[in-house]
């Protein structure tokens, strides 16, 4: 009997090391069979995915899933925080945690041990610049990939964030596509550099 397990686009993208956009293009072109959930998300039958891999001479899919990257989302704007968490949850590609200021983020970093952090720059108590600098200056956390986000776009902010050690930069409002693409690129770089932070 064939497996009825369905995969998310995030799981397919992670296995093939491509973007979510590429997976969606495969589905739209009919190269990869997928169902659409009531929530308008694609789900790919595992047997169909295995056939797809075999047809294109890709490595076989191991049904034991690889560990998902852990992403900590830090933003004091509840609307932005909920939107980012919802979009990343829908992708099915990440383990998620959140914090609403720099102080709480410090506690979550110690507890959750994220691989990636989405960090708002303008926050109360400890701002994003300070937190990023602390993350990147500590031997225990400097391997974490940091994506900073801000609604105050300026050359000065971008340069200051990069000087603090940020690995990537996005300006609010950003699209789900831009966020997922940037996160995937950052995760790929973290993996290539052997930067997994889960000691």
N, C-alpha and C. Protein backbone atom coordinates (compact mmCIF):
# COMPACT_ATOMS: atom_id res chain seq x y z
N UNK A 1 0.85 -1.19 0.00
CA UNK A 1 0.00 0.00 0.00
C UNK A 1 0.88 1.25 0.00
N UNK A 2 0.51 2.21 -0.82
CA UNK A 2 1.32 3.41 -0.93
C UNK A 2 1.12 4.33 0.28
N UNK A 3 2.17 5.04 0.60
CA UNK A 3 2.11 5.99 1.71
C UNK A 3 1.16 7.13 1.37
N UNK A 4 0.41 7.59 2.36
CA UNK A 4 -0.50 8.70 2.16
C UNK A 4 0.06 10.00 2.74
N UNK A 5 1.27 9.94 3.19
CA UNK A 5 1.85 11.14 3.78
C UNK A 5 1.99 12.25 2.75
N UNK A 6 1.68 13.47 3.17
CA UNK A 6 1.80 14.62 2.30
C UNK A 6 2.93 15.52 2.80
N UNK A 7 3.71 16.06 1.87
CA UNK A 7 4.84 16.93 2.21
C UNK A 7 4.47 18.38 1.96
N UNK A 8 5.07 19.27 2.73
CA UNK A 8 4.89 20.69 2.49
C UNK A 8 5.87 21.15 1.41
N UNK A 9 5.61 22.31 0.84
CA UNK A 9 6.56 22.86 -0.13
C UNK A 9 7.90 23.14 0.54
N UNK A 10 7.87 23.45 1.83
CA UNK A 10 9.11 23.68 2.57
C UNK A 10 9.97 22.43 2.65
N UNK A 11 9.33 21.28 2.89
CA UNK A 11 10.08 20.03 2.96
C UNK A 11 10.67 19.66 1.61
N UNK A 12 9.89 19.89 0.54
CA UNK A 12 10.39 19.60 -0.81
C UNK A 12 11.55 20.54 -1.15
N UNK A 13 11.38 21.82 -0.85
CA UNK A 13 12.44 22.80 -1.13
C UNK A 13 13.71 22.47 -0.36
N UNK A 14 13.56 22.06 0.90
CA UNK A 14 14.72 21.74 1.72
C UNK A 14 15.47 20.53 1.17
N UNK A 15 14.72 19.51 0.73
CA UNK A 15 15.38 18.31 0.20
C UNK A 15 16.12 18.61 -1.10
N UNK A 16 15.47 19.40 -1.97
CA UNK A 16 16.07 19.68 -3.28
C UNK A 16 17.02 20.87 -3.25
N UNK A 17 17.07 21.55 -2.11
CA UNK A 17 17.92 22.74 -1.95
C UNK A 17 17.61 23.79 -3.02
N UNK A 18 16.30 24.06 -3.14
CA UNK A 18 15.83 25.11 -4.05
C UNK A 18 14.90 26.02 -3.27
N UNK A 19 14.44 27.09 -3.90
CA UNK A 19 13.55 28.03 -3.24
C UNK A 19 12.10 27.52 -3.28
N UNK A 20 11.25 28.10 -2.42
CA UNK A 20 9.83 27.77 -2.45
C UNK A 20 9.22 28.15 -3.79
N UNK A 21 9.73 29.24 -4.36
CA UNK A 21 9.24 29.69 -5.66
C UNK A 21 9.48 28.63 -6.73
N UNK A 22 10.65 28.00 -6.69
CA UNK A 22 10.96 26.94 -7.65
C UNK A 22 9.99 25.77 -7.51
N UNK A 23 9.72 25.38 -6.26
CA UNK A 23 8.77 24.28 -6.02
C UNK A 23 7.39 24.66 -6.55
N UNK A 24 6.95 25.88 -6.28
CA UNK A 24 5.65 26.33 -6.77
C UNK A 24 5.60 26.35 -8.30
N UNK A 25 6.71 26.69 -8.93
CA UNK A 25 6.78 26.67 -10.39
C UNK A 25 6.67 25.25 -10.93
N UNK A 26 7.30 24.29 -10.22
CA UNK A 26 7.17 22.88 -10.62
C UNK A 26 5.70 22.44 -10.57
N UNK A 27 5.02 22.90 -9.51
CA UNK A 27 3.61 22.53 -9.34
C UNK A 27 2.75 23.18 -10.42
N UNK A 28 2.97 24.46 -10.66
CA UNK A 28 2.17 25.19 -11.66
C UNK A 28 2.35 24.62 -13.06
N UNK A 29 3.57 24.16 -13.36
CA UNK A 29 3.85 23.63 -14.69
C UNK A 29 3.43 22.18 -14.85
N UNK A 30 2.99 21.56 -13.74
CA UNK A 30 2.55 20.17 -13.81
C UNK A 30 3.65 19.16 -13.64
N UNK A 31 4.87 19.61 -13.38
CA UNK A 31 5.99 18.68 -13.20
C UNK A 31 5.89 17.93 -11.88
N UNK A 32 5.27 18.57 -10.90
CA UNK A 32 5.14 17.99 -9.57
C UNK A 32 3.68 18.04 -9.16
N UNK A 33 3.11 16.89 -8.84
CA UNK A 33 1.70 16.81 -8.46
C UNK A 33 1.52 17.29 -7.02
N UNK A 34 0.50 18.11 -6.81
CA UNK A 34 0.23 18.62 -5.46
C UNK A 34 -1.26 18.85 -5.27
N UNK A 35 -1.69 18.78 -4.03
CA UNK A 35 -3.06 19.12 -3.66
C UNK A 35 -3.06 20.50 -3.01
N UNK A 36 -4.23 21.13 -3.01
CA UNK A 36 -4.37 22.42 -2.35
C UNK A 36 -5.26 22.23 -1.13
N UNK A 37 -4.77 22.66 0.03
CA UNK A 37 -5.54 22.53 1.27
C UNK A 37 -6.62 23.61 1.32
N UNK A 38 -7.59 23.46 2.23
CA UNK A 38 -8.60 24.52 2.40
C UNK A 38 -7.99 25.88 2.71
N UNK A 39 -6.80 25.87 3.31
CA UNK A 39 -6.10 27.11 3.60
C UNK A 39 -5.27 27.64 2.45
N UNK A 40 -5.43 27.01 1.26
CA UNK A 40 -4.74 27.43 0.03
C UNK A 40 -3.24 27.16 0.04
N UNK A 41 -2.82 26.10 0.73
CA UNK A 41 -1.41 25.72 0.74
C UNK A 41 -1.24 24.41 -0.02
N UNK A 42 -0.11 24.28 -0.69
CA UNK A 42 0.16 23.07 -1.46
C UNK A 42 0.68 21.96 -0.56
N UNK A 43 0.24 20.75 -0.84
CA UNK A 43 0.75 19.56 -0.18
C UNK A 43 1.07 18.52 -1.26
N UNK A 44 2.24 17.91 -1.17
CA UNK A 44 2.74 17.02 -2.21
C UNK A 44 2.74 15.58 -1.70
N UNK A 45 2.05 14.66 -2.39
CA UNK A 45 2.08 13.25 -1.98
C UNK A 45 3.51 12.71 -2.03
N UNK A 46 3.90 12.00 -1.01
CA UNK A 46 5.28 11.56 -0.90
C UNK A 46 5.68 10.60 -2.03
N UNK A 47 4.74 9.77 -2.47
CA UNK A 47 5.07 8.83 -3.55
C UNK A 47 5.27 9.57 -4.87
N UNK A 48 4.45 10.59 -5.10
CA UNK A 48 4.62 11.40 -6.30
C UNK A 48 5.94 12.15 -6.29
N UNK A 49 6.34 12.60 -5.11
CA UNK A 49 7.62 13.30 -4.98
C UNK A 49 8.78 12.35 -5.26
N UNK A 50 8.66 11.13 -4.76
CA UNK A 50 9.73 10.15 -5.01
C UNK A 50 9.84 9.84 -6.51
N UNK A 51 8.69 9.75 -7.18
CA UNK A 51 8.71 9.53 -8.64
C UNK A 51 9.38 10.71 -9.34
N UNK A 52 9.06 11.91 -8.88
CA UNK A 52 9.65 13.13 -9.46
C UNK A 52 11.17 13.11 -9.30
N UNK A 53 11.64 12.73 -8.13
CA UNK A 53 13.09 12.68 -7.87
C UNK A 53 13.77 11.65 -8.78
N UNK A 54 13.13 10.50 -8.91
CA UNK A 54 13.71 9.43 -9.74
C UNK A 54 13.78 9.87 -11.21
N UNK A 55 12.72 10.53 -11.69
CA UNK A 55 12.69 10.99 -13.09
C UNK A 55 13.79 11.99 -13.40
N UNK A 56 14.15 12.79 -12.39
CA UNK A 56 15.12 13.85 -12.62
C UNK A 56 16.50 13.53 -12.03
N UNK A 57 16.69 12.25 -11.63
CA UNK A 57 17.98 11.79 -11.11
C UNK A 57 18.46 12.59 -9.89
N UNK A 58 17.51 12.88 -8.99
CA UNK A 58 17.84 13.56 -7.74
C UNK A 58 17.99 12.52 -6.63
N UNK A 59 18.70 12.85 -5.58
CA UNK A 59 18.84 11.90 -4.46
C UNK A 59 17.48 11.49 -3.91
N UNK A 60 17.33 10.24 -3.50
CA UNK A 60 16.04 9.78 -2.97
C UNK A 60 15.68 10.49 -1.67
N UNK A 61 14.39 10.54 -1.40
CA UNK A 61 13.88 11.21 -0.21
C UNK A 61 13.85 10.25 0.96
N UNK A 62 14.46 10.64 2.06
CA UNK A 62 14.44 9.85 3.29
C UNK A 62 13.22 10.29 4.09
N UNK A 63 12.34 9.33 4.38
CA UNK A 63 11.09 9.69 5.07
C UNK A 63 11.34 10.18 6.49
N UNK A 64 12.50 9.88 7.04
CA UNK A 64 12.85 10.45 8.35
C UNK A 64 13.28 11.89 8.10
N UNK A 65 12.48 12.86 8.53
CA UNK A 65 12.78 14.25 8.17
C UNK A 65 14.05 14.77 8.83
N UNK A 66 14.77 15.59 8.08
CA UNK A 66 15.94 16.26 8.65
C UNK A 66 15.46 17.31 9.65
N UNK A 67 16.29 17.63 10.64
CA UNK A 67 15.88 18.66 11.60
C UNK A 67 15.58 19.98 10.89
N UNK A 68 14.48 20.59 11.28
CA UNK A 68 14.13 21.89 10.70
C UNK A 68 14.95 22.98 11.37
N UNK A 69 15.32 24.01 10.61
CA UNK A 69 16.02 25.12 11.25
C UNK A 69 15.11 25.81 12.27
N UNK A 70 15.69 26.18 13.39
CA UNK A 70 14.95 26.89 14.43
C UNK A 70 15.06 28.39 14.20
N UNK A 71 13.92 29.04 14.12
CA UNK A 71 13.88 30.47 13.84
C UNK A 71 13.23 31.21 15.01
N UNK A 72 13.94 32.18 15.54
CA UNK A 72 13.40 33.05 16.59
C UNK A 72 13.01 34.37 15.94
N UNK A 73 11.73 34.76 16.08
CA UNK A 73 11.23 36.01 15.51
C UNK A 73 11.11 37.03 16.64
N UNK A 74 11.79 38.16 16.49
CA UNK A 74 11.83 39.18 17.55
C UNK A 74 11.30 40.50 17.01
N UNK A 75 10.13 40.92 17.50
CA UNK A 75 9.52 42.18 17.04
C UNK A 75 8.50 42.63 18.07
N UNK A 76 8.52 43.91 18.42
CA UNK A 76 7.56 44.42 19.40
C UNK A 76 6.22 44.80 18.76
N UNK A 77 6.15 44.81 17.43
CA UNK A 77 4.90 45.08 16.71
C UNK A 77 4.14 43.77 16.56
N UNK A 78 3.04 43.62 17.30
CA UNK A 78 2.31 42.35 17.30
C UNK A 78 1.78 41.97 15.92
N UNK A 79 1.40 42.96 15.12
CA UNK A 79 0.89 42.65 13.79
C UNK A 79 1.97 42.03 12.91
N UNK A 80 3.15 42.61 12.97
CA UNK A 80 4.26 42.07 12.19
C UNK A 80 4.65 40.69 12.72
N UNK A 81 4.74 40.58 14.03
CA UNK A 81 5.13 39.31 14.66
C UNK A 81 4.18 38.18 14.27
N UNK A 82 2.87 38.43 14.38
CA UNK A 82 1.88 37.41 14.05
C UNK A 82 1.91 37.06 12.57
N UNK A 83 2.11 38.07 11.73
CA UNK A 83 2.15 37.84 10.28
C UNK A 83 3.34 36.96 9.90
N UNK A 84 4.51 37.27 10.44
CA UNK A 84 5.71 36.49 10.13
C UNK A 84 5.56 35.06 10.64
N UNK A 85 5.08 34.91 11.87
CA UNK A 85 4.90 33.57 12.44
C UNK A 85 3.90 32.76 11.63
N UNK A 86 2.81 33.40 11.21
CA UNK A 86 1.80 32.70 10.41
C UNK A 86 2.38 32.23 9.08
N UNK A 87 3.10 33.10 8.41
CA UNK A 87 3.66 32.75 7.10
C UNK A 87 4.69 31.62 7.21
N UNK A 88 5.53 31.68 8.24
CA UNK A 88 6.55 30.65 8.40
C UNK A 88 5.94 29.34 8.87
N UNK A 89 4.88 29.42 9.68
CA UNK A 89 4.17 28.21 10.10
C UNK A 89 3.55 27.52 8.89
N UNK A 90 2.96 28.31 8.01
CA UNK A 90 2.31 27.76 6.82
C UNK A 90 3.30 27.08 5.88
N UNK A 91 4.55 27.53 5.90
CA UNK A 91 5.55 26.92 5.02
C UNK A 91 5.91 25.51 5.49
N UNK A 92 5.75 25.25 6.79
CA UNK A 92 6.06 23.94 7.35
C UNK A 92 7.53 23.62 7.41
N UNK A 93 8.38 24.63 7.21
CA UNK A 93 9.82 24.37 7.07
C UNK A 93 10.64 24.72 8.32
N UNK A 94 10.00 25.27 9.34
CA UNK A 94 10.78 25.78 10.46
C UNK A 94 10.17 25.40 11.82
N UNK A 95 11.03 25.33 12.83
CA UNK A 95 10.58 25.35 14.22
C UNK A 95 10.64 26.81 14.65
N UNK A 96 9.60 27.28 15.34
CA UNK A 96 9.50 28.71 15.60
C UNK A 96 9.36 29.04 17.08
N UNK A 97 9.91 30.19 17.43
CA UNK A 97 9.71 30.80 18.75
C UNK A 97 9.68 32.30 18.53
N UNK A 98 9.19 33.04 19.53
CA UNK A 98 9.08 34.49 19.35
C UNK A 98 9.41 35.23 20.64
N UNK A 99 9.71 36.51 20.47
CA UNK A 99 9.97 37.41 21.59
C UNK A 99 9.56 38.81 21.15
N UNK A 100 9.18 39.64 22.12
CA UNK A 100 8.67 40.97 21.78
C UNK A 100 9.64 42.10 22.14
N UNK A 101 10.77 41.76 22.70
CA UNK A 101 11.80 42.78 22.92
C UNK A 101 13.16 42.10 23.06
N UNK A 102 14.19 42.91 23.10
CA UNK A 102 15.54 42.37 23.12
C UNK A 102 15.86 41.58 24.37
N UNK A 103 15.30 41.98 25.50
CA UNK A 103 15.56 41.27 26.75
C UNK A 103 14.97 39.86 26.70
N UNK A 104 13.69 39.77 26.29
CA UNK A 104 13.05 38.45 26.17
C UNK A 104 13.75 37.60 25.12
N UNK A 105 14.25 38.26 24.06
CA UNK A 105 14.97 37.53 23.01
C UNK A 105 16.21 36.86 23.58
N UNK A 106 16.90 37.55 24.49
CA UNK A 106 18.08 36.96 25.11
C UNK A 106 17.75 35.69 25.87
N UNK A 107 16.60 35.70 26.56
CA UNK A 107 16.17 34.51 27.28
C UNK A 107 15.83 33.38 26.31
N UNK A 108 15.16 33.73 25.21
CA UNK A 108 14.78 32.72 24.23
C UNK A 108 15.99 32.13 23.52
N UNK A 109 16.99 32.96 23.27
CA UNK A 109 18.21 32.45 22.62
C UNK A 109 18.86 31.36 23.47
N UNK A 110 18.90 31.59 24.78
CA UNK A 110 19.49 30.60 25.69
C UNK A 110 18.64 29.34 25.78
N UNK A 111 17.32 29.51 25.74
CA UNK A 111 16.41 28.37 25.90
C UNK A 111 16.15 27.63 24.60
N UNK A 112 15.86 28.36 23.53
CA UNK A 112 15.41 27.78 22.25
C UNK A 112 16.57 27.38 21.35
N UNK A 113 17.70 28.05 21.52
CA UNK A 113 18.91 27.80 20.71
C UNK A 113 18.60 27.89 19.21
N UNK A 114 18.22 29.08 18.74
CA UNK A 114 17.85 29.22 17.33
C UNK A 114 19.04 29.09 16.38
N UNK A 115 18.73 28.69 15.16
CA UNK A 115 19.72 28.68 14.09
C UNK A 115 19.71 30.03 13.36
N UNK A 116 18.51 30.63 13.29
CA UNK A 116 18.31 31.90 12.61
C UNK A 116 17.47 32.81 13.49
N UNK A 117 17.72 34.12 13.39
CA UNK A 117 16.91 35.10 14.12
C UNK A 117 16.43 36.16 13.15
N UNK A 118 15.13 36.44 13.19
CA UNK A 118 14.56 37.58 12.47
C UNK A 118 14.40 38.68 13.52
N UNK A 119 15.16 39.76 13.35
CA UNK A 119 15.32 40.73 14.43
C UNK A 119 14.91 42.14 14.01
N UNK A 120 13.90 42.68 14.67
CA UNK A 120 13.50 44.06 14.45
C UNK A 120 14.55 44.98 15.07
N UNK A 121 14.87 46.07 14.39
CA UNK A 121 15.90 46.97 14.90
C UNK A 121 15.40 47.90 16.00
N UNK A 122 14.19 48.41 15.85
CA UNK A 122 13.68 49.42 16.77
C UNK A 122 12.77 48.78 17.81
N UNK A 123 13.32 48.50 18.99
CA UNK A 123 12.54 47.87 20.06
C UNK A 123 12.88 48.52 21.40
N UNK A 124 11.97 48.39 22.37
CA UNK A 124 12.26 48.93 23.71
C UNK A 124 13.28 48.08 24.45
N UNK A 125 13.77 48.61 25.55
CA UNK A 125 14.72 47.95 26.45
C UNK A 125 16.06 47.72 25.75
N UNK A 126 16.21 46.63 25.05
CA UNK A 126 17.44 46.36 24.30
C UNK A 126 17.08 46.40 22.82
N UNK A 127 17.63 47.37 22.06
CA UNK A 127 17.24 47.45 20.65
C UNK A 127 17.97 46.41 19.79
N UNK A 128 17.56 46.33 18.53
CA UNK A 128 18.09 45.31 17.65
C UNK A 128 19.58 45.43 17.38
N UNK A 129 20.07 46.67 17.30
CA UNK A 129 21.51 46.88 17.07
C UNK A 129 22.33 46.28 18.21
N UNK A 130 21.90 46.59 19.43
CA UNK A 130 22.62 46.10 20.62
C UNK A 130 22.57 44.58 20.70
N UNK A 131 21.37 44.03 20.46
CA UNK A 131 21.22 42.58 20.57
C UNK A 131 22.04 41.87 19.50
N UNK A 132 22.00 42.40 18.28
CA UNK A 132 22.78 41.78 17.20
C UNK A 132 24.27 41.78 17.54
N UNK A 133 24.74 42.88 18.07
CA UNK A 133 26.16 42.97 18.43
C UNK A 133 26.52 41.97 19.53
N UNK A 134 25.61 41.80 20.50
CA UNK A 134 25.85 40.83 21.57
C UNK A 134 25.88 39.41 21.02
N UNK A 135 24.96 39.10 20.10
CA UNK A 135 24.90 37.77 19.51
C UNK A 135 26.20 37.46 18.77
N UNK A 136 26.64 38.41 17.96
CA UNK A 136 27.79 38.17 17.10
C UNK A 136 29.13 38.28 17.83
N UNK A 137 29.13 38.86 19.01
CA UNK A 137 30.38 38.99 19.76
C UNK A 137 30.61 37.83 20.74
N UNK A 138 29.59 37.00 20.92
CA UNK A 138 29.72 35.87 21.84
C UNK A 138 30.07 34.59 21.09
N UNK A 139 31.11 33.87 21.53
CA UNK A 139 31.47 32.59 20.88
C UNK A 139 30.33 31.59 20.87
N UNK A 140 29.42 31.68 21.85
CA UNK A 140 28.33 30.71 21.96
C UNK A 140 27.21 30.97 20.97
N UNK A 141 27.08 32.22 20.49
CA UNK A 141 25.93 32.55 19.64
C UNK A 141 26.31 33.17 18.30
N UNK A 142 27.58 33.43 18.06
CA UNK A 142 27.94 34.16 16.85
C UNK A 142 27.66 33.38 15.57
N UNK A 143 27.44 32.05 15.70
CA UNK A 143 27.13 31.24 14.52
C UNK A 143 25.68 31.38 14.07
N UNK A 144 24.85 31.99 14.88
CA UNK A 144 23.44 32.17 14.52
C UNK A 144 23.33 33.17 13.37
N UNK A 145 22.54 32.82 12.34
CA UNK A 145 22.30 33.74 11.24
C UNK A 145 21.28 34.80 11.65
N UNK A 146 21.59 36.06 11.44
CA UNK A 146 20.70 37.15 11.86
C UNK A 146 20.18 37.92 10.65
N UNK A 147 18.86 37.93 10.49
CA UNK A 147 18.19 38.75 9.49
C UNK A 147 17.53 39.90 10.21
N UNK A 148 17.99 41.12 9.97
CA UNK A 148 17.38 42.28 10.62
C UNK A 148 16.28 42.84 9.73
N UNK A 149 15.21 43.32 10.37
CA UNK A 149 14.09 43.93 9.65
C UNK A 149 13.79 45.28 10.29
N UNK A 150 13.36 46.24 9.47
CA UNK A 150 13.06 47.56 10.01
C UNK A 150 12.07 48.30 9.12
N UNK A 151 11.26 49.13 9.76
CA UNK A 151 10.36 50.01 9.03
C UNK A 151 10.98 51.35 8.79
N UNK A 152 12.18 51.56 9.31
CA UNK A 152 12.90 52.83 9.17
C UNK A 152 14.08 52.61 8.23
N UNK A 153 13.79 52.58 6.95
CA UNK A 153 14.83 52.27 5.98
C UNK A 153 15.73 53.48 5.74
N UNK A 154 16.99 53.29 5.93
CA UNK A 154 17.97 54.34 5.65
C UNK A 154 19.32 53.69 5.47
N UNK A 155 20.20 54.34 4.73
CA UNK A 155 21.55 53.83 4.54
C UNK A 155 22.27 53.71 5.87
N UNK A 156 22.01 54.68 6.76
CA UNK A 156 22.66 54.68 8.08
C UNK A 156 22.26 53.45 8.88
N UNK A 157 20.94 53.14 8.91
CA UNK A 157 20.47 51.97 9.65
C UNK A 157 21.05 50.69 9.08
N UNK A 158 21.07 50.58 7.76
CA UNK A 158 21.58 49.37 7.13
C UNK A 158 23.06 49.18 7.46
N UNK A 159 23.84 50.25 7.33
CA UNK A 159 25.26 50.16 7.61
C UNK A 159 25.52 49.84 9.08
N UNK A 160 24.73 50.44 9.97
CA UNK A 160 24.90 50.19 11.40
C UNK A 160 24.54 48.74 11.73
N UNK A 161 23.50 48.21 11.09
CA UNK A 161 23.10 46.82 11.33
C UNK A 161 24.18 45.86 10.84
N UNK A 162 24.70 46.12 9.65
CA UNK A 162 25.75 45.26 9.11
C UNK A 162 27.02 45.34 9.96
N UNK A 163 27.31 46.54 10.46
CA UNK A 163 28.48 46.72 11.33
C UNK A 163 28.31 45.96 12.64
N UNK A 164 27.03 45.82 13.08
CA UNK A 164 26.76 45.08 14.31
C UNK A 164 26.84 43.57 14.09
N UNK A 165 26.95 43.15 12.82
CA UNK A 165 27.11 41.73 12.53
C UNK A 165 25.96 41.08 11.81
N UNK A 166 24.92 41.85 11.44
CA UNK A 166 23.77 41.27 10.75
C UNK A 166 24.21 40.59 9.45
N UNK A 167 23.57 39.46 9.15
CA UNK A 167 23.90 38.70 7.94
C UNK A 167 23.04 39.09 6.75
N UNK A 168 21.85 39.63 7.02
CA UNK A 168 20.93 40.02 5.95
C UNK A 168 20.02 41.13 6.47
N UNK A 169 19.35 41.83 5.53
CA UNK A 169 18.60 43.03 5.88
C UNK A 169 17.35 43.11 5.01
N UNK A 170 16.18 43.32 5.63
CA UNK A 170 14.94 43.53 4.89
C UNK A 170 14.21 44.75 5.45
N UNK A 171 13.54 45.47 4.55
CA UNK A 171 12.79 46.65 4.96
C UNK A 171 11.29 46.33 4.98
N UNK A 172 10.61 46.73 6.06
CA UNK A 172 9.16 46.58 6.14
C UNK A 172 8.50 47.63 5.25
N UNK A 173 7.37 47.30 4.61
CA UNK A 173 6.76 45.96 4.56
C UNK A 173 7.47 45.11 3.52
N UNK A 174 7.63 43.83 3.82
CA UNK A 174 8.25 42.91 2.87
C UNK A 174 7.25 41.81 2.55
N UNK A 175 7.45 41.17 1.41
CA UNK A 175 6.54 40.11 0.99
C UNK A 175 6.94 38.78 1.62
N UNK A 176 6.00 37.86 1.67
CA UNK A 176 6.30 36.51 2.16
C UNK A 176 7.38 35.88 1.31
N UNK A 177 7.30 36.11 0.00
CA UNK A 177 8.29 35.56 -0.93
C UNK A 177 9.69 36.06 -0.60
N UNK A 178 9.81 37.38 -0.34
CA UNK A 178 11.12 37.95 -0.02
C UNK A 178 11.65 37.40 1.30
N UNK A 179 10.76 37.27 2.28
CA UNK A 179 11.18 36.76 3.59
C UNK A 179 11.68 35.32 3.47
N UNK A 180 10.90 34.46 2.81
CA UNK A 180 11.28 33.06 2.72
C UNK A 180 12.55 32.88 1.88
N UNK A 181 12.68 33.66 0.82
CA UNK A 181 13.88 33.57 -0.01
C UNK A 181 15.11 33.97 0.78
N UNK A 182 15.00 35.07 1.54
CA UNK A 182 16.14 35.54 2.33
C UNK A 182 16.50 34.55 3.42
N UNK A 183 15.49 34.01 4.09
CA UNK A 183 15.74 33.01 5.14
C UNK A 183 16.41 31.76 4.58
N UNK A 184 15.93 31.32 3.42
CA UNK A 184 16.51 30.11 2.84
C UNK A 184 17.97 30.34 2.46
N UNK A 185 18.25 31.51 1.86
CA UNK A 185 19.63 31.81 1.50
C UNK A 185 20.52 31.88 2.74
N UNK A 186 19.98 32.46 3.81
CA UNK A 186 20.73 32.58 5.05
C UNK A 186 20.97 31.20 5.67
N UNK A 187 19.94 30.35 5.64
CA UNK A 187 20.07 29.00 6.19
C UNK A 187 21.08 28.18 5.39
N UNK A 188 21.08 28.37 4.07
CA UNK A 188 22.05 27.67 3.23
C UNK A 188 23.47 28.09 3.60
N UNK A 189 23.67 29.39 3.83
CA UNK A 189 24.99 29.88 4.21
C UNK A 189 25.40 29.38 5.59
N UNK A 190 24.44 29.35 6.51
CA UNK A 190 24.71 28.83 7.85
C UNK A 190 25.14 27.37 7.77
N UNK A 191 24.42 26.58 6.93
CA UNK A 191 24.75 25.18 6.78
C UNK A 191 26.11 24.97 6.15
N UNK A 192 26.42 25.75 5.12
CA UNK A 192 27.71 25.61 4.43
C UNK A 192 28.88 25.94 5.35
N UNK A 193 28.63 26.88 6.26
CA UNK A 193 29.70 27.31 7.15
C UNK A 193 29.79 26.46 8.40
N UNK A 194 28.91 25.47 8.51
CA UNK A 194 28.91 24.63 9.70
C UNK A 194 28.53 25.40 10.94
N UNK A 195 27.56 26.31 10.77
CA UNK A 195 27.24 27.22 11.86
C UNK A 195 26.09 26.77 12.72
N UNK A 196 25.64 25.55 12.61
CA UNK A 196 24.51 25.12 13.42
C UNK A 196 24.80 25.43 14.88
N UNK A 197 23.82 26.04 15.55
CA UNK A 197 24.05 26.58 16.90
C UNK A 197 23.56 25.67 18.01
N UNK A 198 23.16 24.47 17.70
CA UNK A 198 22.56 23.61 18.73
C UNK A 198 23.60 22.76 19.43
N UNK A 199 24.39 23.34 20.20
CA UNK A 199 25.38 22.54 20.94
C UNK A 199 24.71 21.81 22.08
